[in-house]
């Protein structure tokens, strides 16, 4: 019977630096991709905010009030008021 012993992988300084550089490279690429997805959304929100403020600025400064409604009365059969609105 052959005895199998697990082999230990030795890490060298060069291999560790390569893994570290690869980690930072992939992280930077992911950051650029996420920023590319977020920038159009932020631009659209800015455009909507600007359009909203422009519409708000075009409102008249003195809003006209409509005339008040006339008073209504509900009368019973004898002509006496039941309710007034």
PDB file of N, CA and C in Angstrom:
ATOM      1  N   UNK A   1       0.829  -1.174   0.000  1.00  0.00           N
ATOM      2  CA  UNK A   1       0.000   0.000   0.000  1.00  0.00           C
ATOM      3  C   UNK A   1       0.875   1.239   0.000  1.00  0.00           C
ATOM      4  N   UNK A   2       0.522   2.072  -0.862  1.00  0.00           N
ATOM      5  CA  UNK A   2       1.288   3.311  -0.968  1.00  0.00           C
ATOM      6  C   UNK A   2       0.645   4.344  -0.061  1.00  0.00           C
ATOM      7  N   UNK A   3       1.445   4.975   0.683  1.00  0.00           N
ATOM      8  CA  UNK A   3       0.952   6.010   1.592  1.00  0.00           C
ATOM      9  C   UNK A   3       0.942   7.332   0.840  1.00  0.00           C
ATOM     10  N   UNK A   4      -0.227   7.976   0.865  1.00  0.00           N
ATOM     11  CA  UNK A   4      -0.311   9.267   0.193  1.00  0.00           C
ATOM     12  C   UNK A   4      -0.363  10.348   1.256  1.00  0.00           C
ATOM     13  N   UNK A   5       0.540  11.236   1.161  1.00  0.00           N
ATOM     14  CA  UNK A   5       0.562  12.367   2.082  1.00  0.00           C
ATOM     15  C   UNK A   5       0.170  13.615   1.305  1.00  0.00           C
ATOM     16  N   UNK A   6      -0.629  14.472   1.931  1.00  0.00           N
ATOM     17  CA  UNK A   6      -0.998  15.694   1.212  1.00  0.00           C
ATOM     18  C   UNK A   6       0.224  16.562   0.977  1.00  0.00           C
ATOM     19  N   UNK A   7       0.280  17.092  -0.192  1.00  0.00           N
ATOM     20  CA  UNK A   7       1.402  17.954  -0.525  1.00  0.00           C
ATOM     21  C   UNK A   7       1.043  19.390  -0.172  1.00  0.00           C
ATOM     22  N   UNK A   8       1.968  20.029   0.466  1.00  0.00           N
ATOM     23  CA  UNK A   8       1.768  21.407   0.892  1.00  0.00           C
ATOM     24  C   UNK A   8       2.233  22.320  -0.232  1.00  0.00           C
ATOM     25  N   UNK A   9       1.357  23.237  -0.597  1.00  0.00           N
ATOM     26  CA  UNK A   9       1.714  24.191  -1.654  1.00  0.00           C
ATOM     27  C   UNK A   9       2.508  25.323  -1.024  1.00  0.00           C
ATOM     28  N   UNK A  10       3.680  25.525  -1.547  1.00  0.00           N
ATOM     29  CA  UNK A  10       4.514  26.595  -1.019  1.00  0.00           C
ATOM     30  C   UNK A  10       4.235  27.871  -1.795  1.00  0.00           C
ATOM     31  N   UNK A  11       3.988  28.915  -1.048  1.00  0.00           N
ATOM     32  CA  UNK A  11       3.714  30.208  -1.685  1.00  0.00           C
ATOM     33  C   UNK A  11       4.998  31.025  -1.679  1.00  0.00           C
ATOM     34  N   UNK A  12       5.264  31.546  -2.836  1.00  0.00           N
ATOM     35  CA  UNK A  12       6.462  32.380  -2.963  1.00  0.00           C
ATOM     36  C   UNK A  12       6.044  33.840  -2.927  1.00  0.00           C
ATOM     37  N   UNK A  13       7.018  34.688  -2.733  1.00  0.00           N
ATOM     38  CA  UNK A  13       6.752  36.122  -2.691  1.00  0.00           C
ATOM     39  C   UNK A  13       6.226  36.606  -4.040  1.00  0.00           C
ATOM     40  N   UNK A  14       6.761  36.081  -5.115  1.00  0.00           N
ATOM     41  CA  UNK A  14       6.306  36.468  -6.453  1.00  0.00           C
ATOM     42  C   UNK A  14       4.865  36.068  -6.698  1.00  0.00           C
ATOM     43  N   UNK A  15       4.494  34.861  -6.263  1.00  0.00           N
ATOM     44  CA  UNK A  15       3.119  34.406  -6.430  1.00  0.00           C
ATOM     45  C   UNK A  15       2.142  35.229  -5.604  1.00  0.00           C
ATOM     46  N   UNK A  16       2.541  35.601  -4.398  1.00  0.00           N
ATOM     47  CA  UNK A  16       1.682  36.424  -3.545  1.00  0.00           C
ATOM     48  C   UNK A  16       1.496  37.816  -4.133  1.00  0.00           C
ATOM     49  N   UNK A  17       2.567  38.386  -4.662  1.00  0.00           N
ATOM     50  CA  UNK A  17       2.461  39.712  -5.287  1.00  0.00           C
ATOM     51  C   UNK A  17       1.587  39.659  -6.528  1.00  0.00           C
ATOM     52  N   UNK A  18       1.706  38.561  -7.268  1.00  0.00           N
ATOM     53  CA  UNK A  18       0.877  38.409  -8.460  1.00  0.00           C
ATOM     54  C   UNK A  18      -0.605  38.323  -8.073  1.00  0.00           C
ATOM     55  N   UNK A  19      -0.915  37.543  -7.041  1.00  0.00           N
ATOM     56  CA  UNK A  19      -2.302  37.435  -6.581  1.00  0.00           C
ATOM     57  C   UNK A  19      -2.822  38.780  -6.075  1.00  0.00           C
ATOM     58  N   UNK A  20      -1.983  39.518  -5.351  1.00  0.00           N
ATOM     59  CA  UNK A  20      -2.377  40.830  -4.837  1.00  0.00           C
ATOM     60  C   UNK A  20      -2.636  41.809  -5.986  1.00  0.00           C
ATOM     61  N   UNK A  21      -1.765  41.804  -6.985  1.00  0.00           N
ATOM     62  CA  UNK A  21      -1.948  42.685  -8.141  1.00  0.00           C
ATOM     63  C   UNK A  21      -3.210  42.286  -8.918  1.00  0.00           C
ATOM     64  N   UNK A  22      -3.457  40.995  -9.045  1.00  0.00           N
ATOM     65  CA  UNK A  22      -4.659  40.534  -9.732  1.00  0.00           C
ATOM     66  C   UNK A  22      -5.919  40.949  -8.966  1.00  0.00           C
ATOM     67  N   UNK A  23      -5.879  40.857  -7.641  1.00  0.00           N
ATOM     68  CA  UNK A  23      -7.015  41.274  -6.820  1.00  0.00           C
ATOM     69  C   UNK A  23      -7.316  42.754  -7.033  1.00  0.00           C
ATOM     70  N   UNK A  24      -6.282  43.605  -6.986  1.00  0.00           N
ATOM     71  CA  UNK A  24      -6.496  45.034  -7.185  1.00  0.00           C
ATOM     72  C   UNK A  24      -6.945  45.350  -8.603  1.00  0.00           C
ATOM     73  N   UNK A  25      -6.453  44.627  -9.574  1.00  0.00           N
ATOM     74  CA  UNK A  25      -6.872  44.840 -10.959  1.00  0.00           C
ATOM     75  C   UNK A  25      -8.338  44.509 -11.165  1.00  0.00           C
ATOM     76  N   UNK A  26      -8.769  43.374 -10.628  1.00  0.00           N
ATOM     77  CA  UNK A  26     -10.170  42.977 -10.760  1.00  0.00           C
ATOM     78  C   UNK A  26     -11.062  43.950  -9.980  1.00  0.00           C
ATOM     79  N   UNK A  27     -10.611  44.397  -8.808  1.00  0.00           N
ATOM     80  CA  UNK A  27     -11.384  45.364  -8.022  1.00  0.00           C
ATOM     81  C   UNK A  27     -11.537  46.678  -8.782  1.00  0.00           C
ATOM     82  N   UNK A  28     -10.469  47.139  -9.418  1.00  0.00           N
ATOM     83  CA  UNK A  28     -10.540  48.380 -10.189  1.00  0.00           C
ATOM     84  C   UNK A  28     -11.489  48.225 -11.382  1.00  0.00           C
ATOM     85  N   UNK A  29     -11.429  47.096 -12.034  1.00  0.00           N
ATOM     86  CA  UNK A  29     -12.321  46.849 -13.171  1.00  0.00           C
ATOM     87  C   UNK A  29     -13.776  46.823 -12.715  1.00  0.00           C
ATOM     88  N   UNK A  30     -14.040  46.181 -11.584  1.00  0.00           N
ATOM     89  CA  UNK A  30     -15.407  46.155 -11.058  1.00  0.00           C
ATOM     90  C   UNK A  30     -15.867  47.562 -10.689  1.00  0.00           C
ATOM     91  N   UNK A  31     -14.990  48.377 -10.130  1.00  0.00           N
ATOM     92  CA  UNK A  31     -15.339  49.755  -9.790  1.00  0.00           C
ATOM     93  C   UNK A  31     -15.688  50.573 -11.022  1.00  0.00           C
ATOM     94  N   UNK A  32     -14.934  50.395 -12.084  1.00  0.00           N
ATOM     95  CA  UNK A  32     -15.208  51.118 -13.327  1.00  0.00           C
ATOM     96  C   UNK A  32     -16.553  50.679 -13.910  1.00  0.00           C
ATOM     97  N   UNK A  33     -16.842  49.385 -13.857  1.00  0.00           N
ATOM     98  CA  UNK A  33     -18.119  48.899 -14.392  1.00  0.00           C
ATOM     99  C   UNK A  33     -19.296  49.424 -13.581  1.00  0.00           C
ATOM    100  N   UNK A  34     -19.177  49.422 -12.271  1.00  0.00           N
ATOM    101  CA  UNK A  34     -20.258  49.941 -11.434  1.00  0.00           C
ATOM    102  C   UNK A  34     -20.444  51.438 -11.665  1.00  0.00           C
ATOM    103  N   UNK A  35     -19.345  52.175 -11.767  1.00  0.00           N
ATOM    104  CA  UNK A  35     -19.443  53.614 -12.037  1.00  0.00           C
ATOM    105  C   UNK A  35     -20.101  53.864 -13.387  1.00  0.00           C
ATOM    106  N   UNK A  36     -19.806  53.032 -14.364  1.00  0.00           N
ATOM    107  CA  UNK A  36     -20.431  53.173 -15.681  1.00  0.00           C
ATOM    108  C   UNK A  36     -21.927  52.931 -15.643  1.00  0.00           C
ATOM    109  N   UNK A  37     -22.380  52.115 -14.706  1.00  0.00           N
ATOM    110  CA  UNK A  37     -23.813  51.881 -14.576  1.00  0.00           C
ATOM    111  C   UNK A  37     -24.495  52.976 -13.770  1.00  0.00           C
ATOM    112  N   UNK A  38     -23.791  53.597 -12.844  1.00  0.00           N
ATOM    113  CA  UNK A  38     -24.397  54.586 -11.950  1.00  0.00           C
ATOM    114  C   UNK A  38     -24.437  55.977 -12.583  1.00  0.00           C
ATOM    115  N   UNK A  39     -23.479  56.312 -13.388  1.00  0.00           N
ATOM    116  CA  UNK A  39     -23.410  57.665 -13.968  1.00  0.00           C
ATOM    117  C   UNK A  39     -24.647  58.019 -14.792  1.00  0.00           C
ATOM    118  N   UNK A  40     -25.163  57.158 -15.652  1.00  0.00           N
ATOM    119  CA  UNK A  40     -26.384  57.531 -16.386  1.00  0.00           C
ATOM    120  C   UNK A  40     -27.591  57.744 -15.471  1.00  0.00           C
ATOM    121  N   UNK A  41     -27.678  56.949 -14.405  1.00  0.00           N
ATOM    122  CA  UNK A  41     -28.792  57.122 -13.468  1.00  0.00           C
ATOM    123  C   UNK A  41     -28.686  58.474 -12.777  1.00  0.00           C
ATOM    124  N   UNK A  42     -27.494  58.825 -12.326  1.00  0.00           N
ATOM    125  CA  UNK A  42     -27.295  60.112 -11.655  1.00  0.00           C
ATOM    126  C   UNK A  42     -27.556  61.272 -12.618  1.00  0.00           C
ATOM    127  N   UNK A  43     -27.147  61.128 -13.861  1.00  0.00           N
ATOM    128  CA  UNK A  43     -27.416  62.164 -14.850  1.00  0.00           C
ATOM    129  C   UNK A  43     -28.905  62.329 -15.110  1.00  0.00           C
ATOM    130  N   UNK A  44     -29.619  61.219 -15.181  1.00  0.00           N
ATOM    131  CA  UNK A  44     -31.073  61.286 -15.387  1.00  0.00           C
ATOM    132  C   UNK A  44     -31.778  61.946 -14.216  1.00  0.00           C
ATOM    133  N   UNK A  45     -31.335  61.660 -12.995  1.00  0.00           N
ATOM    134  CA  UNK A  45     -31.928  62.301 -11.825  1.00  0.00           C
ATOM    135  C   UNK A  45     -31.637  63.802 -11.813  1.00  0.00           C
ATOM    136  N   UNK A  46     -30.441  64.177 -12.207  1.00  0.00           N
ATOM    137  CA  UNK A  46     -30.104  65.596 -12.279  1.00  0.00           C
ATOM    138  C   UNK A  46     -30.943  66.323 -13.328  1.00  0.00           C
ATOM    139  N   UNK A  47     -31.136  65.676 -14.463  1.00  0.00           N
ATOM    140  CA  UNK A  47     -31.967  66.272 -15.511  1.00  0.00           C
ATOM    141  C   UNK A  47     -33.404  66.439 -15.029  1.00  0.00           C
ATOM    142  N   UNK A  48     -33.934  65.435 -14.341  1.00  0.00           N
ATOM    143  CA  UNK A  48     -35.308  65.520 -13.831  1.00  0.00           C
ATOM    144  C   UNK A  48     -35.432  66.629 -12.783  1.00  0.00           C
ATOM    145  N   UNK A  49     -34.424  66.772 -11.932  1.00  0.00           N
ATOM    146  CA  UNK A  49     -34.466  67.826 -10.916  1.00  0.00           C
ATOM    147  C   UNK A  49     -34.431  69.204 -11.569  1.00  0.00           C
ATOM    148  N   UNK A  50     -33.612  69.360 -12.605  1.00  0.00           N
ATOM    149  CA  UNK A  50     -33.538  70.650 -13.294  1.00  0.00           C
ATOM    150  C   UNK A  50     -34.853  70.980 -13.995  1.00  0.00           C
ATOM    151  N   UNK A  51     -35.458  69.985 -14.629  1.00  0.00           N
ATOM    152  CA  UNK A  51     -36.733  70.215 -15.309  1.00  0.00           C
ATOM    153  C   UNK A  51     -37.828  70.578 -14.308  1.00  0.00           C
ATOM    154  N   UNK A  52     -37.810  69.955 -13.145  1.00  0.00           N
ATOM    155  CA  UNK A  52     -38.806  70.258 -12.119  1.00  0.00           C
ATOM    156  C   UNK A  52     -38.656  71.677 -11.609  1.00  0.00           C
ATOM    157  N   UNK A  53     -37.432  72.108 -11.368  1.00  0.00           N
ATOM    158  CA  UNK A  53     -37.237  73.483 -10.886  1.00  0.00           C
ATOM    159  C   UNK A  53     -37.598  74.499 -11.961  1.00  0.00           C
ATOM    160  N   UNK A  54     -37.339  74.180 -13.217  1.00  0.00           N
ATOM    161  CA  UNK A  54     -37.732  75.098 -14.292  1.00  0.00           C
ATOM    162  C   UNK A  54     -39.255  75.249 -14.352  1.00  0.00           C
ATOM    163  N   UNK A  55     -39.962  74.146 -14.213  1.00  0.00           N
ATOM    164  CA  UNK A  55     -41.426  74.215 -14.215  1.00  0.00           C
ATOM    165  C   UNK A  55     -41.936  74.989 -12.999  1.00  0.00           C
ATOM    166  N   UNK A  56     -41.307  74.817 -11.868  1.00  0.00           N
ATOM    167  CA  UNK A  56     -41.713  75.534 -10.660  1.00  0.00           C
ATOM    168  C   UNK A  56     -41.474  77.029 -10.815  1.00  0.00           C
ATOM    169  N   UNK A  57     -40.386  77.416 -11.475  1.00  0.00           N
ATOM    170  CA  UNK A  57     -40.084  78.831 -11.679  1.00  0.00           C
ATOM    171  C   UNK A  57     -41.088  79.495 -12.626  1.00  0.00           C
ATOM    172  N   UNK A  58     -41.737  78.713 -13.477  1.00  0.00           N
ATOM    173  CA  UNK A  58     -42.688  79.283 -14.430  1.00  0.00           C
ATOM    174  C   UNK A  58     -44.079  79.482 -13.828  1.00  0.00           C
ATOM    175  N   UNK A  59     -44.308  79.035 -12.608  1.00  0.00           N
ATOM    176  CA  UNK A  59     -45.609  79.266 -11.975  1.00  0.00           C
ATOM    177  C   UNK A  59     -45.784  80.748 -11.683  1.00  0.00           C
ATOM    178  N   UNK A  60     -47.003  81.262 -11.770  1.00  0.00           N
ATOM    179  CA  UNK A  60     -47.206  82.675 -11.455  1.00  0.00           C
ATOM    180  C   UNK A  60     -46.964  82.915  -9.957  1.00  0.00           C
ATOM    181  N   UNK A  61     -46.447  84.118  -9.655  1.00  0.00           N
ATOM    182  CA  UNK A  61     -46.131  84.407  -8.260  1.00  0.00           C
ATOM    183  C   UNK A  61     -47.391  84.693  -7.445  1.00  0.00           C
ATOM    184  N   UNK A  62     -48.423  85.206  -8.083  1.00  0.00           N
ATOM    185  CA  UNK A  62     -49.663  85.493  -7.376  1.00  0.00           C
ATOM    186  C   UNK A  62     -50.741  84.565  -7.920  1.00  0.00           C
ATOM    187  N   UNK A  63     -51.055  83.540  -7.166  1.00  0.00           N
ATOM    188  CA  UNK A  63     -52.075  82.602  -7.614  1.00  0.00           C
ATOM    189  C   UNK A  63     -53.455  83.220  -7.423  1.00  0.00           C
ATOM    190  N   UNK A  64     -54.295  83.083  -8.415  1.00  0.00           N
ATOM    191  CA  UNK A  64     -55.644  83.647  -8.322  1.00  0.00           C
ATOM    192  C   UNK A  64     -56.537  82.703  -7.516  1.00  0.00           C
ATOM    193  N   UNK A  65     -57.378  83.292  -6.659  1.00  0.00           N
ATOM    194  CA  UNK A  65     -58.302  82.459  -5.892  1.00  0.00           C
ATOM    195  C   UNK A  65     -59.673  82.533  -6.533  1.00  0.00           C
ATOM    196  N   UNK A  66     -60.299  81.393  -6.697  1.00  0.00           N
ATOM    197  CA  UNK A  66     -61.638  81.388  -7.298  1.00  0.00           C
ATOM    198  C   UNK A  66     -62.636  82.000  -6.317  1.00  0.00           C
ATOM    199  N   UNK A  67     -63.746  82.489  -6.841  1.00  0.00           N
ATOM    200  CA  UNK A  67     -64.753  83.057  -5.934  1.00  0.00           C
ATOM    201  C   UNK A  67     -65.297  81.974  -5.002  1.00  0.00           C
ATOM    202  N   UNK A  68     -65.689  82.408  -3.825  1.00  0.00           N
ATOM    203  CA  UNK A  68     -66.212  81.466  -2.855  1.00  0.00           C
ATOM    204  C   UNK A  68     -67.562  80.931  -3.306  1.00  0.00           C
ATOM    205  N   UNK A  69     -67.823  79.708  -2.942  1.00  0.00           N
ATOM    206  CA  UNK A  69     -69.108  79.109  -3.294  1.00  0.00           C
ATOM    207  C   UNK A  69     -70.223  79.778  -2.497  1.00  0.00           C
ATOM    208  N   UNK A  70     -71.408  79.820  -3.079  1.00  0.00           N
ATOM    209  CA  UNK A  70     -72.536  80.430  -2.369  1.00  0.00           C
ATOM    210  C   UNK A  70     -73.043  79.480  -1.298  1.00  0.00           C
ATOM    211  N   UNK A  71     -73.676  80.052  -0.329  1.00  0.00           N
ATOM    212  CA  UNK A  71     -74.211  79.287   0.778  1.00  0.00           C
ATOM    213  C   UNK A  71     -75.446  78.511   0.321  1.00  0.00           C
ATOM    214  N   UNK A  72     -75.488  77.248   0.703  1.00  0.00           N
ATOM    215  CA  UNK A  72     -76.647  76.414   0.363  1.00  0.00           C
ATOM    216  C   UNK A  72     -77.416  76.079   1.640  1.00  0.00           C
ATOM    217  N   UNK A  73     -78.717  76.061   1.515  1.00  0.00           N
ATOM    218  CA  UNK A  73     -79.550  75.696   2.664  1.00  0.00           C
ATOM    219  C   UNK A  73     -80.489  74.581   2.241  1.00  0.00           C
ATOM    220  N   UNK A  74     -80.685  73.626   3.143  1.00  0.00           N
ATOM    221  CA  UNK A  74     -81.654  72.564   2.904  1.00  0.00           C
ATOM    222  C   UNK A  74     -82.848  72.855   3.806  1.00  0.00           C
ATOM    223  N   UNK A  75     -84.017  72.891   3.191  1.00  0.00           N
ATOM    224  CA  UNK A  75     -85.243  73.232   3.921  1.00  0.00           C
ATOM    225  C   UNK A  75     -86.127  72.004   4.050  1.00  0.00           C
ATOM    226  N   UNK A  76     -86.897  71.975   5.141  1.00  0.00           N
ATOM    227  CA  UNK A  76     -87.881  70.902   5.294  1.00  0.00           C
ATOM    228  C   UNK A  76     -89.164  71.275   4.569  1.00  0.00           C
ATOM    229  N   UNK A  77     -90.194  70.449   4.697  1.00  0.00           N
ATOM    230  CA  UNK A  77     -91.461  70.670   3.985  1.00  0.00           C
ATOM    231  C   UNK A  77     -92.121  71.966   4.403  1.00  0.00           C
ATOM    232  N   UNK A  78     -91.883  72.412   5.633  1.00  0.00           N
ATOM    233  CA  UNK A  78     -92.507  73.631   6.123  1.00  0.00           C
ATOM    234  C   UNK A  78     -91.684  74.871   5.754  1.00  0.00           C
ATOM    235  N   UNK A  79     -90.504  74.688   5.135  1.00  0.00           N
ATOM    236  CA  UNK A  79     -89.695  75.831   4.733  1.00  0.00           C
ATOM    237  C   UNK A  79     -88.670  76.234   5.769  1.00  0.00           C
ATOM    238  N   UNK A  80     -88.530  75.461   6.842  1.00  0.00           N
ATOM    239  CA  UNK A  80     -87.517  75.782   7.862  1.00  0.00           C
ATOM    240  C   UNK A  80     -86.197  75.148   7.478  1.00  0.00           C
ATOM    241  N   UNK A  81     -85.092  75.843   7.776  1.00  0.00           N
ATOM    242  CA  UNK A  81     -83.773  75.295   7.417  1.00  0.00           C
ATOM    243  C   UNK A  81     -83.425  74.062   8.262  1.00  0.00           C
ATOM    244  N   UNK A  82     -82.953  73.029   7.571  1.00  0.00           N
ATOM    245  CA  UNK A  82     -82.480  71.807   8.230  1.00  0.00           C
ATOM    246  C   UNK A  82     -80.968  71.859   8.363  1.00  0.00           C
ATOM    247  N   UNK A  83     -80.302  72.241   7.277  1.00  0.00           N
ATOM    248  CA  UNK A  83     -78.842  72.278   7.275  1.00  0.00           C
ATOM    249  C   UNK A  83     -78.398  73.432   6.379  1.00  0.00           C
ATOM    250  N   UNK A  84     -77.225  73.926   6.697  1.00  0.00           N
ATOM    251  CA  UNK A  84     -76.607  74.991   5.886  1.00  0.00           C
ATOM    252  C   UNK A  84     -75.198  74.558   5.531  1.00  0.00           C
ATOM    253  N   UNK A  85     -74.842  74.673   4.257  1.00  0.00           N
ATOM    254  CA  UNK A  85     -73.496  74.318   3.790  1.00  0.00           C
ATOM    255  C   UNK A  85     -72.801  75.546   3.290  1.00  0.00           C
TER     256      UNK A  85
END
